Amino acid sequence: MNSHDKYLIFLPSCILVKGYERSVILDIQRAILDFVPNDVYDIFQKYNKQKIGDILLNYNNEEQEIVMEYIDFLTQNEYAILGTKHDAEHISAMPLKYNFCGKITNCICEYSEFTHKNIHIILNTIDTQLGCSAFQIVCKQRITIKKLIIFLENF
């Protein structure tokens, strides 16, 4: 199969973000990123899952060389593959929606005498009623080690 008959398919774990002067490709599976020209972002947005030959028809000869360089970069760095029509139809994008089951994800509580005395009520509320998964304590006043240990024993 000629490379012009293959489909350009961006891998689901790769996310492109367009910036003002350049874009970034973030591979969230491998935890790597690369800065790329905004043209790469534009190609991704317009031509994902399309035939290389059809993509190149939109460019003149000089531009086609640059587009092929971008495609080579994407495939060599495993941000995209060249596949069949079947591949293009069956490789789907990764959903980017995050469903959190609680009402809030985190809580920041400032330490005071009030919070010290009522920590059980505070913890019960943020855990059972709000489903909060992260709790941070900020202490802006001096506190003895003994008081801090007593306070932290509640966790």
N, C-alpha and C. Protein backbone atom coordinates (compact mmCIF):
# COMPACT_ATOMS: atom_id res chain seq x y z
N MET A 1 0.84 -1.18 0.00
CA MET A 1 0.00 0.00 0.00
C MET A 1 0.88 1.24 0.00
N ASN A 2 0.65 2.13 -0.92
CA ASN A 2 1.35 3.40 -1.04
C ASN A 2 1.04 4.26 0.18
N SER A 3 2.02 5.03 0.67
CA SER A 3 1.77 5.86 1.86
C SER A 3 0.66 6.88 1.62
N HIS A 4 0.44 7.28 0.36
CA HIS A 4 -0.64 8.23 0.06
C HIS A 4 -2.02 7.60 0.21
N ASP A 5 -2.07 6.26 0.22
CA ASP A 5 -3.34 5.56 0.41
C ASP A 5 -3.63 5.28 1.88
N LYS A 6 -2.67 5.55 2.73
CA LYS A 6 -2.85 5.31 4.16
C LYS A 6 -3.53 6.50 4.81
N TYR A 7 -4.09 6.25 5.96
CA TYR A 7 -4.82 7.28 6.71
C TYR A 7 -3.94 7.79 7.85
N LEU A 8 -3.95 9.10 8.05
CA LEU A 8 -3.24 9.71 9.17
C LEU A 8 -4.16 9.63 10.38
N ILE A 9 -3.70 8.92 11.40
CA ILE A 9 -4.53 8.70 12.59
C ILE A 9 -3.74 9.13 13.83
N PHE A 10 -4.23 10.14 14.50
CA PHE A 10 -3.60 10.59 15.73
C PHE A 10 -4.00 9.65 16.85
N LEU A 11 -3.04 9.30 17.67
CA LEU A 11 -3.29 8.34 18.74
C LEU A 11 -4.16 8.98 19.82
N PRO A 12 -5.07 8.20 20.39
CA PRO A 12 -6.01 8.74 21.37
C PRO A 12 -5.36 9.35 22.61
N SER A 13 -4.16 8.90 22.95
CA SER A 13 -3.50 9.41 24.16
C SER A 13 -2.79 10.75 23.92
N CYS A 14 -2.85 11.26 22.69
CA CYS A 14 -2.16 12.50 22.35
C CYS A 14 -3.16 13.65 22.24
N ILE A 15 -2.85 14.70 22.94
CA ILE A 15 -3.70 15.89 22.96
C ILE A 15 -2.90 17.05 22.41
N LEU A 16 -3.50 17.79 21.51
CA LEU A 16 -2.86 18.98 20.96
C LEU A 16 -3.50 20.22 21.56
N VAL A 17 -2.66 21.17 21.95
CA VAL A 17 -3.13 22.43 22.48
C VAL A 17 -2.50 23.54 21.65
N LYS A 18 -3.34 24.40 21.08
CA LYS A 18 -2.83 25.48 20.25
C LYS A 18 -2.52 26.70 21.10
N GLY A 19 -1.32 27.21 20.91
CA GLY A 19 -0.91 28.42 21.59
C GLY A 19 -0.88 29.59 20.63
N TYR A 20 -0.47 30.72 21.12
CA TYR A 20 -0.44 31.93 20.29
C TYR A 20 0.61 31.81 19.19
N GLU A 21 1.82 31.37 19.56
CA GLU A 21 2.90 31.28 18.58
C GLU A 21 3.26 29.85 18.19
N ARG A 22 2.97 28.90 19.05
CA ARG A 22 3.25 27.49 18.74
C ARG A 22 2.30 26.63 19.55
N SER A 23 2.24 25.39 19.18
CA SER A 23 1.35 24.45 19.85
C SER A 23 2.17 23.41 20.59
N VAL A 24 1.49 22.59 21.36
CA VAL A 24 2.15 21.52 22.09
C VAL A 24 1.35 20.23 21.89
N ILE A 25 2.07 19.14 21.71
CA ILE A 25 1.47 17.81 21.69
C ILE A 25 1.81 17.17 23.03
N LEU A 26 0.79 16.74 23.73
CA LEU A 26 0.97 16.09 25.02
C LEU A 26 0.51 14.65 24.91
N ASP A 27 1.42 13.73 25.14
CA ASP A 27 1.06 12.32 25.18
C ASP A 27 0.86 11.97 26.64
N ILE A 28 -0.40 11.87 27.04
CA ILE A 28 -0.70 11.66 28.45
C ILE A 28 -0.41 10.24 28.91
N GLN A 29 -0.31 9.31 27.99
CA GLN A 29 0.03 7.93 28.36
C GLN A 29 1.52 7.79 28.67
N ARG A 30 2.36 8.43 27.87
CA ARG A 30 3.81 8.32 28.06
C ARG A 30 4.38 9.50 28.86
N ALA A 31 3.54 10.46 29.20
CA ALA A 31 3.95 11.64 29.97
C ALA A 31 5.09 12.41 29.29
N ILE A 32 4.92 12.66 27.99
CA ILE A 32 5.90 13.46 27.24
C ILE A 32 5.17 14.52 26.44
N LEU A 33 5.92 15.56 26.11
CA LEU A 33 5.33 16.60 25.27
C LEU A 33 6.37 17.15 24.32
N ASP A 34 5.88 17.69 23.22
CA ASP A 34 6.73 18.33 22.22
C ASP A 34 6.06 19.61 21.76
N PHE A 35 6.87 20.64 21.60
CA PHE A 35 6.38 21.88 21.00
C PHE A 35 6.43 21.72 19.49
N VAL A 36 5.37 22.16 18.82
CA VAL A 36 5.29 22.04 17.37
C VAL A 36 4.73 23.35 16.80
N PRO A 37 4.97 23.59 15.51
CA PRO A 37 4.38 24.77 14.88
C PRO A 37 2.84 24.68 14.90
N ASN A 38 2.19 25.81 14.89
CA ASN A 38 0.73 25.82 14.87
C ASN A 38 0.16 25.13 13.64
N ASP A 39 0.95 25.05 12.57
CA ASP A 39 0.50 24.34 11.37
C ASP A 39 0.21 22.87 11.67
N VAL A 40 0.98 22.26 12.55
CA VAL A 40 0.75 20.86 12.93
C VAL A 40 -0.61 20.73 13.62
N TYR A 41 -0.91 21.67 14.47
CA TYR A 41 -2.22 21.69 15.14
C TYR A 41 -3.33 21.79 14.09
N ASP A 42 -3.15 22.68 13.13
CA ASP A 42 -4.17 22.88 12.09
C ASP A 42 -4.38 21.61 11.27
N ILE A 43 -3.28 20.92 10.93
CA ILE A 43 -3.38 19.66 10.18
C ILE A 43 -4.14 18.64 11.02
N PHE A 44 -3.82 18.56 12.29
CA PHE A 44 -4.51 17.62 13.18
C PHE A 44 -6.01 17.90 13.21
N GLN A 45 -6.38 19.16 13.36
CA GLN A 45 -7.79 19.51 13.45
C GLN A 45 -8.55 19.23 12.15
N LYS A 46 -7.91 19.51 11.03
CA LYS A 46 -8.59 19.37 9.74
C LYS A 46 -8.56 17.96 9.18
N TYR A 47 -7.46 17.24 9.40
CA TYR A 47 -7.22 16.04 8.61
C TYR A 47 -7.03 14.75 9.39
N ASN A 48 -7.37 14.73 10.65
CA ASN A 48 -7.25 13.48 11.40
C ASN A 48 -8.16 12.44 10.75
N LYS A 49 -7.63 11.24 10.56
CA LYS A 49 -8.33 10.10 9.98
C LYS A 49 -8.68 10.29 8.50
N GLN A 50 -7.84 11.03 7.79
CA GLN A 50 -8.03 11.17 6.35
C GLN A 50 -6.82 10.62 5.62
N LYS A 51 -7.03 10.28 4.34
CA LYS A 51 -5.95 9.73 3.52
C LYS A 51 -4.86 10.77 3.31
N ILE A 52 -3.62 10.33 3.36
CA ILE A 52 -2.48 11.22 3.12
C ILE A 52 -2.62 11.88 1.75
N GLY A 53 -2.99 11.11 0.75
CA GLY A 53 -3.15 11.66 -0.60
C GLY A 53 -4.19 12.77 -0.64
N ASP A 54 -5.30 12.58 0.07
CA ASP A 54 -6.35 13.61 0.12
C ASP A 54 -5.88 14.85 0.86
N ILE A 55 -5.09 14.65 1.90
CA ILE A 55 -4.55 15.79 2.66
C ILE A 55 -3.64 16.62 1.75
N LEU A 56 -2.76 15.94 1.03
CA LEU A 56 -1.78 16.63 0.19
C LEU A 56 -2.42 17.41 -0.95
N LEU A 57 -3.60 17.00 -1.40
CA LEU A 57 -4.29 17.71 -2.47
C LEU A 57 -4.61 19.17 -2.11
N ASN A 58 -4.62 19.46 -0.81
CA ASN A 58 -4.93 20.81 -0.34
C ASN A 58 -3.73 21.74 -0.32
N TYR A 59 -2.57 21.24 -0.75
CA TYR A 59 -1.33 22.01 -0.67
C TYR A 59 -0.60 21.98 -2.00
N ASN A 60 0.21 23.03 -2.24
CA ASN A 60 1.06 23.03 -3.44
C ASN A 60 2.28 22.15 -3.18
N ASN A 61 3.12 21.96 -4.21
CA ASN A 61 4.27 21.05 -4.10
C ASN A 61 5.19 21.38 -2.94
N GLU A 62 5.51 22.65 -2.77
CA GLU A 62 6.42 23.06 -1.70
C GLU A 62 5.79 22.79 -0.34
N GLU A 63 4.52 23.10 -0.21
CA GLU A 63 3.82 22.88 1.05
C GLU A 63 3.66 21.39 1.34
N GLN A 64 3.50 20.59 0.29
CA GLN A 64 3.36 19.15 0.47
C GLN A 64 4.59 18.54 1.14
N GLU A 65 5.77 19.04 0.78
CA GLU A 65 7.00 18.55 1.42
C GLU A 65 6.99 18.85 2.91
N ILE A 66 6.55 20.04 3.26
CA ILE A 66 6.50 20.43 4.68
C ILE A 66 5.47 19.58 5.42
N VAL A 67 4.31 19.38 4.81
CA VAL A 67 3.27 18.56 5.43
C VAL A 67 3.78 17.14 5.64
N MET A 68 4.49 16.60 4.66
CA MET A 68 5.04 15.25 4.82
C MET A 68 6.10 15.20 5.92
N GLU A 69 6.87 16.27 6.08
CA GLU A 69 7.83 16.34 7.19
C GLU A 69 7.09 16.31 8.52
N TYR A 70 5.99 17.05 8.61
CA TYR A 70 5.19 17.04 9.84
C TYR A 70 4.64 15.65 10.11
N ILE A 71 4.13 15.00 9.07
CA ILE A 71 3.57 13.66 9.22
C ILE A 71 4.67 12.68 9.66
N ASP A 72 5.84 12.79 9.07
CA ASP A 72 6.97 11.93 9.48
C ASP A 72 7.31 12.17 10.95
N PHE A 73 7.34 13.43 11.36
CA PHE A 73 7.62 13.76 12.76
C PHE A 73 6.58 13.10 13.67
N LEU A 74 5.31 13.23 13.31
CA LEU A 74 4.24 12.68 14.14
C LEU A 74 4.32 11.16 14.25
N THR A 75 4.62 10.49 13.14
CA THR A 75 4.68 9.03 13.17
C THR A 75 5.96 8.52 13.83
N GLN A 76 7.09 9.18 13.57
CA GLN A 76 8.34 8.75 14.18
C GLN A 76 8.32 8.91 15.70
N ASN A 77 7.62 9.93 16.18
CA ASN A 77 7.52 10.17 17.62
C ASN A 77 6.30 9.50 18.24
N GLU A 78 5.61 8.69 17.44
CA GLU A 78 4.46 7.90 17.90
C GLU A 78 3.32 8.74 18.45
N TYR A 79 3.11 9.90 17.82
CA TYR A 79 1.93 10.71 18.12
C TYR A 79 0.80 10.34 17.16
N ALA A 80 1.15 9.75 16.04
CA ALA A 80 0.18 9.35 15.03
C ALA A 80 0.69 8.09 14.34
N ILE A 81 -0.23 7.41 13.68
CA ILE A 81 0.14 6.25 12.87
C ILE A 81 -0.44 6.43 11.48
N LEU A 82 0.11 5.69 10.55
CA LEU A 82 -0.46 5.61 9.21
C LEU A 82 -1.16 4.27 9.15
N GLY A 83 -2.47 4.31 9.01
CA GLY A 83 -3.23 3.07 9.05
C GLY A 83 -4.19 2.92 7.90
N THR A 84 -5.01 1.92 8.00
CA THR A 84 -6.01 1.62 6.98
C THR A 84 -7.31 2.36 7.30
N LYS A 85 -8.24 2.27 6.37
CA LYS A 85 -9.56 2.86 6.60
C LYS A 85 -10.21 2.19 7.81
N HIS A 86 -10.02 0.89 7.93
CA HIS A 86 -10.55 0.14 9.08
C HIS A 86 -9.99 0.70 10.39
N ASP A 87 -8.68 0.96 10.42
CA ASP A 87 -8.06 1.55 11.62
C ASP A 87 -8.69 2.90 11.94
N ALA A 88 -8.83 3.74 10.91
CA ALA A 88 -9.38 5.08 11.11
C ALA A 88 -10.80 5.03 11.66
N GLU A 89 -11.55 4.03 11.24
CA GLU A 89 -12.94 3.90 11.70
C GLU A 89 -13.04 3.35 13.12
N HIS A 90 -12.01 2.63 13.57
CA HIS A 90 -12.11 1.94 14.86
C HIS A 90 -11.23 2.50 15.97
N ILE A 91 -10.35 3.40 15.65
CA ILE A 91 -9.55 4.04 16.71
C ILE A 91 -10.29 5.32 17.09
N SER A 92 -10.78 5.35 18.31
CA SER A 92 -11.59 6.50 18.73
C SER A 92 -10.81 7.38 19.70
N ALA A 93 -11.23 8.62 19.76
CA ALA A 93 -10.59 9.60 20.65
C ALA A 93 -10.89 9.24 22.10
N MET A 94 -9.96 9.60 22.96
CA MET A 94 -10.12 9.38 24.38
C MET A 94 -11.07 10.46 24.93
N PRO A 95 -12.07 10.06 25.69
CA PRO A 95 -12.96 11.09 26.26
C PRO A 95 -12.19 11.95 27.26
N LEU A 96 -12.39 13.24 27.18
CA LEU A 96 -11.67 14.16 28.06
C LEU A 96 -12.53 14.65 29.22
N LYS A 97 -13.74 14.13 29.31
CA LYS A 97 -14.64 14.54 30.38
C LYS A 97 -14.29 13.77 31.65
N TYR A 98 -14.27 14.46 32.77
CA TYR A 98 -13.96 13.85 34.05
C TYR A 98 -15.20 13.94 34.92
N ASN A 99 -15.70 12.80 35.34
CA ASN A 99 -16.88 12.77 36.20
C ASN A 99 -16.44 12.54 37.64
N PHE A 100 -16.71 13.51 38.47
CA PHE A 100 -16.37 13.39 39.88
C PHE A 100 -17.65 13.16 40.65
N CYS A 101 -17.65 12.21 41.55
CA CYS A 101 -18.89 11.83 42.23
C CYS A 101 -19.24 12.74 43.41
N GLY A 102 -18.33 13.58 43.86
CA GLY A 102 -18.62 14.47 44.97
C GLY A 102 -19.10 15.83 44.50
N LYS A 103 -19.43 16.67 45.45
CA LYS A 103 -19.86 18.04 45.12
C LYS A 103 -18.67 18.97 44.96
N ILE A 104 -17.58 18.71 45.70
CA ILE A 104 -16.34 19.48 45.56
C ILE A 104 -15.15 18.52 45.56
N THR A 105 -14.07 18.90 44.89
CA THR A 105 -12.92 18.01 44.81
C THR A 105 -11.94 18.22 45.96
N ASN A 106 -11.83 19.45 46.45
CA ASN A 106 -10.87 19.70 47.51
C ASN A 106 -11.36 20.83 48.41
N CYS A 107 -10.74 20.88 49.59
CA CYS A 107 -11.13 21.88 50.59
C CYS A 107 -9.87 22.39 51.28
N ILE A 108 -9.80 23.69 51.47
CA ILE A 108 -8.70 24.30 52.21
C ILE A 108 -9.31 24.92 53.46
N CYS A 109 -8.78 24.52 54.59
CA CYS A 109 -9.31 24.99 55.87
C CYS A 109 -8.20 25.70 56.64
N GLU A 110 -8.50 26.89 57.11
CA GLU A 110 -7.52 27.63 57.91
C GLU A 110 -7.64 27.21 59.37
N TYR A 111 -6.51 26.83 59.95
CA TYR A 111 -6.50 26.41 61.35
C TYR A 111 -6.82 27.59 62.25
N SER A 112 -7.70 27.34 63.23
CA SER A 112 -8.03 28.33 64.27
C SER A 112 -8.54 27.55 65.47
N GLU A 113 -8.85 28.24 66.53
CA GLU A 113 -9.43 27.57 67.70
C GLU A 113 -10.77 26.95 67.33
N PHE A 114 -11.52 27.64 66.46
CA PHE A 114 -12.81 27.12 66.01
C PHE A 114 -12.63 25.80 65.26
N THR A 115 -11.71 25.79 64.30
CA THR A 115 -11.51 24.56 63.54
C THR A 115 -10.95 23.46 64.42
N HIS A 116 -10.10 23.83 65.39
CA HIS A 116 -9.54 22.84 66.31
C HIS A 116 -10.66 22.16 67.09
N LYS A 117 -11.61 22.97 67.60
CA LYS A 117 -12.71 22.43 68.42
C LYS A 117 -13.74 21.68 67.58
N ASN A 118 -13.88 22.04 66.32
CA ASN A 118 -14.96 21.49 65.49
C ASN A 118 -14.46 20.62 64.34
N ILE A 119 -13.25 20.12 64.44
CA ILE A 119 -12.67 19.37 63.32
C ILE A 119 -13.48 18.13 62.97
N HIS A 120 -14.07 17.47 63.95
CA HIS A 120 -14.87 16.27 63.66
C HIS A 120 -16.08 16.62 62.79
N ILE A 121 -16.73 17.72 63.09
CA ILE A 121 -17.89 18.16 62.30
C ILE A 121 -17.43 18.56 60.89
N ILE A 122 -16.32 19.28 60.81
CA ILE A 122 -15.80 19.72 59.51
C ILE A 122 -15.45 18.51 58.65
N LEU A 123 -14.71 17.56 59.21
CA LEU A 123 -14.30 16.38 58.45
C LEU A 123 -15.50 15.54 58.02
N ASN A 124 -16.48 15.38 58.90
CA ASN A 124 -17.67 14.63 58.56
C ASN A 124 -18.43 15.30 57.41
N THR A 125 -18.53 16.61 57.46
CA THR A 125 -19.26 17.35 56.43
C THR A 125 -18.57 17.25 55.08
N ILE A 126 -17.25 17.49 55.05
CA ILE A 126 -16.57 17.46 53.74
C ILE A 126 -16.45 16.06 53.18
N ASP A 127 -16.45 15.06 54.07
CA ASP A 127 -16.32 13.68 53.59
C ASP A 127 -17.67 13.10 53.18
N THR A 128 -18.63 13.09 54.09
CA THR A 128 -19.90 12.39 53.81
C THR A 128 -20.89 13.24 53.02
N GLN A 129 -20.98 14.52 53.30
CA GLN A 129 -21.98 15.35 52.63
C GLN A 129 -21.48 15.94 51.31
N LEU A 130 -20.19 16.24 51.24
CA LEU A 130 -19.67 16.88 50.03
C LEU A 130 -18.84 15.95 49.16
N GLY A 131 -18.39 14.83 49.71
CA GLY A 131 -17.59 13.89 48.94
C GLY A 131 -16.22 14.42 48.56
N CYS A 132 -15.70 15.30 49.37
CA CYS A 132 -14.40 15.93 49.10
C CYS A 132 -13.27 14.90 49.22
N SER A 133 -12.38 14.88 48.24
CA SER A 133 -11.32 13.88 48.24
C SER A 133 -9.97 14.41 48.69
N ALA A 134 -9.80 15.74 48.79
CA ALA A 134 -8.52 16.30 49.21
C ALA A 134 -8.78 17.41 50.24
N PHE A 135 -8.06 17.35 51.32
CA PHE A 135 -8.23 18.31 52.41
C PHE A 135 -6.88 18.90 52.77
N GLN A 136 -6.81 20.22 52.80
CA GLN A 136 -5.55 20.90 53.13
C GLN A 136 -5.80 21.84 54.29
N ILE A 137 -4.85 21.88 55.19
CA ILE A 137 -4.94 22.77 56.34
C ILE A 137 -3.88 23.86 56.20
N VAL A 138 -4.29 25.09 56.40
CA VAL A 138 -3.39 26.23 56.37
C VAL A 138 -3.34 26.80 57.78
N CYS A 139 -2.15 27.02 58.26
CA CYS A 139 -2.00 27.57 59.61
C CYS A 139 -1.22 28.87 59.52
N LYS A 140 -1.90 29.98 59.82
CA LYS A 140 -1.27 31.29 59.73
C LYS A 140 -0.88 31.84 61.10
N GLN A 141 -1.10 31.06 62.12
CA GLN A 141 -0.73 31.49 63.47
C GLN A 141 0.24 30.49 64.10
N ARG A 142 0.88 30.93 65.14
CA ARG A 142 1.78 30.03 65.85
C ARG A 142 0.96 28.98 66.58
N ILE A 143 1.47 27.76 66.54
CA ILE A 143 0.78 26.66 67.21
C ILE A 143 1.85 25.76 67.82
N THR A 144 1.57 25.26 68.99
CA THR A 144 2.55 24.38 69.63
C THR A 144 2.52 23.01 68.94
N ILE A 145 3.60 22.31 69.06
CA ILE A 145 3.69 20.97 68.48
C ILE A 145 2.64 20.07 69.12
N LYS A 146 2.44 20.22 70.40
CA LYS A 146 1.46 19.39 71.11
C LYS A 146 0.05 19.60 70.53
N LYS A 147 -0.33 20.87 70.34
CA LYS A 147 -1.65 21.17 69.76
C LYS A 147 -1.76 20.64 68.34
N LEU A 148 -0.69 20.78 67.58
CA LEU A 148 -0.70 20.29 66.20
C LEU A 148 -0.88 18.78 66.17
N ILE A 149 -0.17 18.08 67.04
CA ILE A 149 -0.29 16.62 67.08
C ILE A 149 -1.71 16.21 67.46
N ILE A 150 -2.27 16.88 68.45
CA ILE A 150 -3.65 16.58 68.87
C ILE A 150 -4.62 16.82 67.71
N PHE A 151 -4.41 17.91 67.01
CA PHE A 151 -5.26 18.24 65.86
C PHE A 151 -5.13 17.20 64.76
N LEU A 152 -3.90 16.80 64.44
CA LEU A 152 -3.66 15.87 63.34
C LEU A 152 -4.09 14.44 63.66
N GLU A 153 -4.24 14.13 64.96
CA GLU A 153 -4.70 12.79 65.34
C GLU A 153 -6.14 12.54 64.89
N ASN A 154 -6.83 13.59 64.53
CA ASN A 154 -8.21 13.46 64.05
C ASN A 154 -8.28 12.89 62.64
N PHE A 155 -7.17 12.81 61.97
CA PHE A 155 -7.17 12.38 60.57
C PHE A 155 -6.88 10.92 60.46
